[in-house]
Amino acid sequence: MGASSDPNPDVSDEHQKRSEIYTYEAPWHIYAMNWSVRRDKKYRLAIASLLDHPAAAAAVPNRVEIVQLDDSTGEIRADPNLSFDHPYPATKAAFVPDKDCQRADLLATSSDFLRIWRIADDSSRAEPKRIGTSSIDTTCTIWDIERETVDTQLIAHDKEVYDIAWGGRHQASVNAIAWAPHSSCHICTAGDDSQALIWDLSSMAQPVEGGLDPILAYTAGAEIEQLQWSSSQPDWVAIAFSSKLQILRV
């Protein structure tokens, strides 16, 4: 969040020349999105389509793409070998939380089923053990993937559970929220007002007249439907609106 001095002025100058925003235009409306956390896959994301086929939704599949920023050229590219069909739109996508690359390179997606995809060959036999889902049946469920059974089910809501949201200075519905992976007091929200806002919650210890104001604001070209803060690259946030994916240096 704050600036830091760089002992190498040449590196610092090069850093300043780099773009702070990179954009990828998908061939369809982006519905789900998430960062990879592997240290050997910097700036890699999964994005999923929202293709509405009323007559035969399952017969005409949606798509999932794995895209990655080429830091030397500033281009975000999709790898055609890592793109695949997906029955129905994927409501969520999440890579296995493995920064040190000790597990198989896996991607989880949810729609009519929870699916686990192997992205690349990996010699490790270790697998993730748990994943959480939310549902229109008002529950949140923690699954044990190895045993393919329910580990814990949370029944505390009286309506459908789609996601979580944070109130504040947004002028329309909030669609996504992400905690800063490197800070316990910073949070980012995004919504139908086309804004992505970063908040410093440390000031909430004392009453704030007029309410809390964001410390950083970005306005996109349309309603922001997805937001993810990279845990392996904590100075980068990804947003998705319409058919565009953007990654922002914050």
Protein backbone atom coordinates (compact mmCIF):
# COMPACT_ATOMS: atom_id res chain seq x y z
CA MET A 1 0.00 0.00 0.00
CA GLY A 2 2.86 2.35 0.79
CA ALA A 3 5.87 3.36 -1.25
CA SER A 4 9.32 1.94 -0.51
CA SER A 5 12.76 3.07 -1.60
CA ASP A 6 14.72 1.02 -4.11
CA PRO A 7 18.54 0.95 -3.82
CA ASN A 8 18.81 0.30 -7.57
CA PRO A 9 17.61 3.42 -9.48
CA ASP A 10 17.65 1.63 -12.84
CA VAL A 11 15.28 -1.05 -11.57
CA SER A 12 13.10 1.63 -10.00
CA ASP A 13 12.93 3.61 -13.28
CA GLU A 14 11.99 0.47 -15.20
CA HIS A 15 9.27 -0.26 -12.66
CA GLN A 16 7.80 3.22 -13.20
CA LYS A 17 7.66 2.69 -16.97
CA ARG A 18 5.52 -0.41 -16.65
CA SER A 19 1.79 -0.17 -17.04
CA GLU A 20 -0.30 -0.28 -13.89
CA ILE A 21 -3.31 -1.84 -15.67
CA TYR A 22 -3.35 -4.78 -18.08
CA THR A 23 -6.48 -5.85 -19.97
CA TYR A 24 -7.54 -9.13 -21.58
CA GLU A 25 -10.60 -9.29 -23.86
CA ALA A 26 -12.27 -12.68 -23.56
CA PRO A 27 -14.43 -14.09 -26.39
CA TRP A 28 -17.42 -14.20 -24.02
CA HIS A 29 -18.87 -12.60 -20.91
CA ILE A 30 -16.67 -13.43 -17.89
CA TYR A 31 -18.60 -14.95 -14.98
CA ALA A 32 -16.02 -16.57 -12.65
CA MET A 33 -12.37 -15.67 -12.08
CA ASN A 34 -9.52 -16.38 -9.70
CA TRP A 35 -5.73 -16.15 -9.29
CA SER A 36 -3.29 -19.03 -9.20
CA VAL A 37 -1.10 -18.91 -6.08
CA ARG A 38 1.82 -21.03 -7.29
CA ARG A 39 5.20 -19.29 -7.14
CA ASP A 40 6.15 -20.77 -10.52
CA LYS A 41 3.01 -19.39 -12.22
CA LYS A 42 3.14 -15.64 -11.63
CA TYR A 43 0.24 -13.55 -12.97
CA ARG A 44 -1.84 -16.59 -13.96
CA LEU A 45 -5.64 -16.61 -13.66
CA ALA A 46 -8.58 -18.82 -14.53
CA ILE A 47 -11.64 -17.22 -16.15
CA ALA A 48 -14.97 -18.84 -17.00
CA SER A 49 -17.71 -17.91 -19.45
CA LEU A 50 -21.35 -16.96 -19.06
CA LEU A 51 -22.99 -18.34 -22.20
CA ASP A 52 -26.76 -18.53 -21.95
CA HIS A 53 -28.31 -21.32 -24.01
CA PRO A 54 -31.96 -21.52 -22.90
CA ALA A 55 -32.88 -24.36 -25.23
CA ALA A 56 -30.06 -26.71 -24.27
CA ALA A 57 -27.80 -25.28 -21.58
CA ALA A 58 -25.90 -28.51 -20.97
CA ALA A 59 -25.69 -29.50 -24.65
CA VAL A 60 -23.83 -26.31 -25.62
CA PRO A 61 -21.05 -26.05 -23.03
CA ASN A 62 -19.46 -23.00 -21.51
CA ARG A 63 -15.69 -22.49 -21.40
CA VAL A 64 -12.85 -22.09 -18.90
CA GLU A 65 -9.58 -20.43 -19.94
CA ILE A 66 -6.22 -20.21 -18.17
CA VAL A 67 -4.60 -16.86 -18.96
CA GLN A 68 -1.26 -15.40 -17.95
CA LEU A 69 0.45 -12.03 -18.16
CA ASP A 70 3.71 -11.97 -20.09
CA ASP A 71 5.62 -9.49 -17.95
CA SER A 72 8.14 -8.75 -20.71
CA THR A 73 5.54 -7.70 -23.31
CA GLY A 74 2.63 -6.57 -21.11
CA GLU A 75 0.21 -8.94 -22.88
CA ILE A 76 -2.25 -11.29 -21.20
CA ARG A 77 -2.57 -14.47 -23.26
CA ALA A 78 -4.75 -17.56 -23.07
CA ASP A 79 -3.09 -20.97 -23.41
CA PRO A 80 -5.27 -22.94 -25.89
CA ASN A 81 -3.92 -26.20 -24.46
CA LEU A 82 -5.34 -25.26 -21.05
CA SER A 83 -8.81 -24.16 -22.20
CA PHE A 84 -11.70 -26.58 -21.82
CA ASP A 85 -15.47 -26.96 -22.04
CA HIS A 86 -17.53 -26.64 -18.88
CA PRO A 87 -21.14 -27.85 -18.43
CA TYR A 88 -23.18 -24.78 -17.47
CA PRO A 89 -21.53 -21.49 -16.41
CA ALA A 90 -18.98 -21.92 -13.60
CA THR A 91 -20.14 -19.78 -10.66
CA LYS A 92 -16.76 -20.00 -8.91
CA ALA A 93 -13.20 -20.99 -9.80
CA ALA A 94 -10.35 -21.59 -7.35
CA PHE A 95 -6.83 -22.96 -7.73
CA VAL A 96 -5.40 -25.27 -5.09
CA PRO A 97 -3.86 -23.05 -2.34
CA ASP A 98 -0.30 -24.28 -2.79
CA LYS A 99 2.33 -21.52 -3.06
CA ASP A 100 5.29 -23.90 -2.81
CA CYS A 101 4.18 -26.19 -5.66
CA GLN A 102 4.10 -29.34 -3.51
CA ARG A 103 0.71 -30.52 -4.75
CA ALA A 104 -0.86 -31.30 -8.08
CA ASP A 105 -1.78 -28.19 -10.12
CA LEU A 106 -5.55 -28.29 -9.60
CA LEU A 107 -8.49 -26.01 -10.32
CA ALA A 108 -11.89 -26.31 -8.66
CA THR A 109 -15.07 -25.06 -10.35
CA SER A 110 -18.68 -25.05 -9.19
CA SER A 111 -21.93 -25.10 -11.18
CA ASP A 112 -24.34 -28.05 -11.23
CA PHE A 113 -21.51 -30.05 -9.61
CA LEU A 114 -18.27 -29.29 -7.77
CA ARG A 115 -15.50 -30.34 -10.16
CA ILE A 116 -11.73 -30.67 -9.63
CA TRP A 117 -9.57 -30.29 -12.76
CA ARG A 118 -5.89 -31.19 -13.14
CA ILE A 119 -4.27 -28.30 -15.02
CA ALA A 120 -0.85 -29.85 -15.64
CA ASP A 121 1.03 -33.05 -14.98
CA ASP A 122 2.63 -33.10 -11.53
CA SER A 123 4.68 -35.81 -9.90
CA SER A 124 3.45 -34.98 -6.43
CA ARG A 125 0.77 -37.28 -5.01
CA ALA A 126 -0.38 -34.78 -2.39
CA GLU A 127 -3.92 -33.46 -2.82
CA PRO A 128 -5.96 -30.67 -1.18
CA LYS A 129 -8.13 -31.98 1.64
CA ARG A 130 -10.95 -29.47 2.00
CA ILE A 131 -12.96 -26.99 -0.02
CA GLY A 132 -15.91 -24.82 0.92
CA THR A 133 -19.11 -24.17 -1.06
CA SER A 134 -22.22 -22.05 -0.54
CA SER A 135 -25.68 -22.91 -1.80
CA ILE A 136 -29.20 -21.75 -2.55
CA ASP A 137 -30.36 -24.27 0.09
CA THR A 138 -29.19 -21.68 2.71
CA THR A 139 -26.14 -23.72 3.80
CA CYS A 140 -22.36 -23.40 3.59
CA THR A 141 -20.58 -26.75 3.36
CA ILE A 142 -16.96 -27.82 3.93
CA TRP A 143 -16.13 -30.93 1.89
CA ASP A 144 -13.42 -33.51 2.53
CA ILE A 145 -12.19 -34.12 -1.02
CA GLU A 146 -10.11 -37.19 -0.23
CA ARG A 147 -13.06 -39.04 1.33
CA GLU A 148 -15.68 -37.35 -0.91
CA THR A 149 -17.82 -36.61 2.15
CA VAL A 150 -19.16 -33.57 4.00
CA ASP A 151 -16.77 -32.47 6.74
CA THR A 152 -18.85 -29.62 8.21
CA GLN A 153 -22.11 -27.94 7.27
CA LEU A 154 -22.99 -24.44 8.47
CA ILE A 155 -26.72 -23.81 8.79
CA ALA A 156 -27.05 -20.24 9.98
CA HIS A 157 -28.69 -18.39 7.06
CA ASP A 158 -32.41 -18.18 6.37
CA LYS A 159 -32.00 -17.37 2.65
CA GLU A 160 -29.85 -18.46 -0.27
CA VAL A 161 -26.09 -18.01 0.20
CA TYR A 162 -24.29 -16.83 -2.95
CA ASP A 163 -21.29 -14.96 -1.57
CA ILE A 164 -20.31 -12.34 1.01
CA ALA A 165 -20.43 -8.57 0.64
CA TRP A 166 -19.18 -5.43 2.34
CA GLY A 167 -21.14 -2.21 2.72
CA GLY A 168 -19.64 1.24 2.33
CA ARG A 169 -19.34 4.05 -0.20
CA HIS A 170 -20.66 2.05 -3.16
CA GLN A 171 -23.61 3.56 -5.01
CA ALA A 172 -25.04 0.19 -6.08
CA SER A 173 -24.95 -3.49 -5.14
CA VAL A 174 -21.62 -4.91 -4.00
CA ASN A 175 -20.78 -8.06 -5.96
CA ALA A 176 -17.38 -9.09 -4.62
CA ILE A 177 -15.03 -8.66 -1.68
CA ALA A 178 -11.38 -9.61 -1.07
CA TRP A 179 -9.11 -9.24 1.95
CA ALA A 180 -5.55 -8.11 1.32
CA PRO A 181 -3.40 -11.24 1.64
CA HIS A 182 -0.59 -9.25 3.28
CA SER A 183 -2.60 -7.03 5.63
CA SER A 184 -5.21 -7.66 8.30
CA CYS A 185 -6.76 -4.21 7.92
CA HIS A 186 -7.10 -3.68 4.15
CA ILE A 187 -10.01 -4.88 2.05
CA CYS A 188 -11.20 -4.38 -1.54
CA THR A 189 -14.82 -4.28 -2.70
CA ALA A 190 -16.38 -4.03 -6.17
CA GLY A 191 -19.90 -3.66 -7.46
CA ASP A 192 -22.55 -2.55 -9.91
CA ASP A 193 -21.43 1.09 -9.64
CA SER A 194 -18.35 0.05 -11.71
CA GLN A 195 -16.06 0.87 -8.79
CA ALA A 196 -13.31 -1.13 -7.10
CA LEU A 197 -12.55 0.43 -3.70
CA ILE A 198 -9.79 -0.34 -1.20
CA TRP A 199 -10.47 0.36 2.47
CA ASP A 200 -8.22 0.73 5.51
CA LEU A 201 -10.17 -0.78 8.39
CA SER A 202 -7.65 0.22 11.05
CA SER A 203 -9.39 3.60 11.36
CA MET A 204 -12.60 1.84 12.41
CA ALA A 205 -11.25 1.53 15.96
CA GLN A 206 -12.49 5.10 16.44
CA PRO A 207 -15.82 6.58 15.25
CA VAL A 208 -15.44 8.18 11.81
CA GLU A 209 -17.69 11.16 11.16
CA GLY A 210 -19.69 10.64 7.98
CA GLY A 211 -18.53 7.04 7.61
CA LEU A 212 -15.38 5.41 6.28
CA ASP A 213 -13.89 6.62 2.98
CA PRO A 214 -11.84 4.36 0.68
CA ILE A 215 -8.10 4.99 0.38
CA LEU A 216 -8.04 4.02 -3.31
CA ALA A 217 -10.75 4.00 -5.97
CA TYR A 218 -10.78 2.66 -9.53
CA THR A 219 -13.66 2.99 -12.01
CA ALA A 220 -14.08 0.30 -14.65
CA GLY A 221 -15.94 0.45 -17.96
CA ALA A 222 -18.98 -1.47 -16.67
CA GLU A 223 -20.42 -3.16 -13.60
CA ILE A 224 -17.69 -5.17 -11.86
CA GLU A 225 -18.86 -8.73 -11.31
CA GLN A 226 -15.70 -10.43 -10.06
CA LEU A 227 -12.80 -9.37 -7.85
CA GLN A 228 -9.78 -11.36 -6.66
CA TRP A 229 -6.68 -10.18 -4.75
CA SER A 230 -3.58 -12.21 -5.60
CA SER A 231 -2.15 -13.96 -2.54
CA SER A 232 1.16 -14.72 -4.24
CA GLN A 233 1.48 -11.23 -5.82
CA PRO A 234 -0.17 -9.01 -3.16
CA ASP A 235 0.30 -5.76 -5.08
CA TRP A 236 -2.04 -7.02 -7.82
CA VAL A 237 -5.85 -7.14 -7.90
CA ALA A 238 -7.89 -8.69 -10.73
CA ILE A 239 -11.38 -7.54 -11.73
CA ALA A 240 -13.78 -8.74 -14.42
CA PHE A 241 -16.56 -6.80 -16.13
CA SER A 242 -18.48 -7.86 -19.21
CA SER A 243 -15.95 -9.71 -21.41
CA LYS A 244 -12.88 -7.92 -19.99
CA LEU A 245 -10.36 -9.11 -17.43
CA GLN A 246 -8.14 -6.40 -15.90
CA ILE A 247 -5.28 -6.77 -13.45
CA LEU A 248 -4.41 -3.65 -11.46
CA ARG A 249 -1.30 -2.77 -9.46
CA VAL A 250 -2.46 -1.34 -6.13
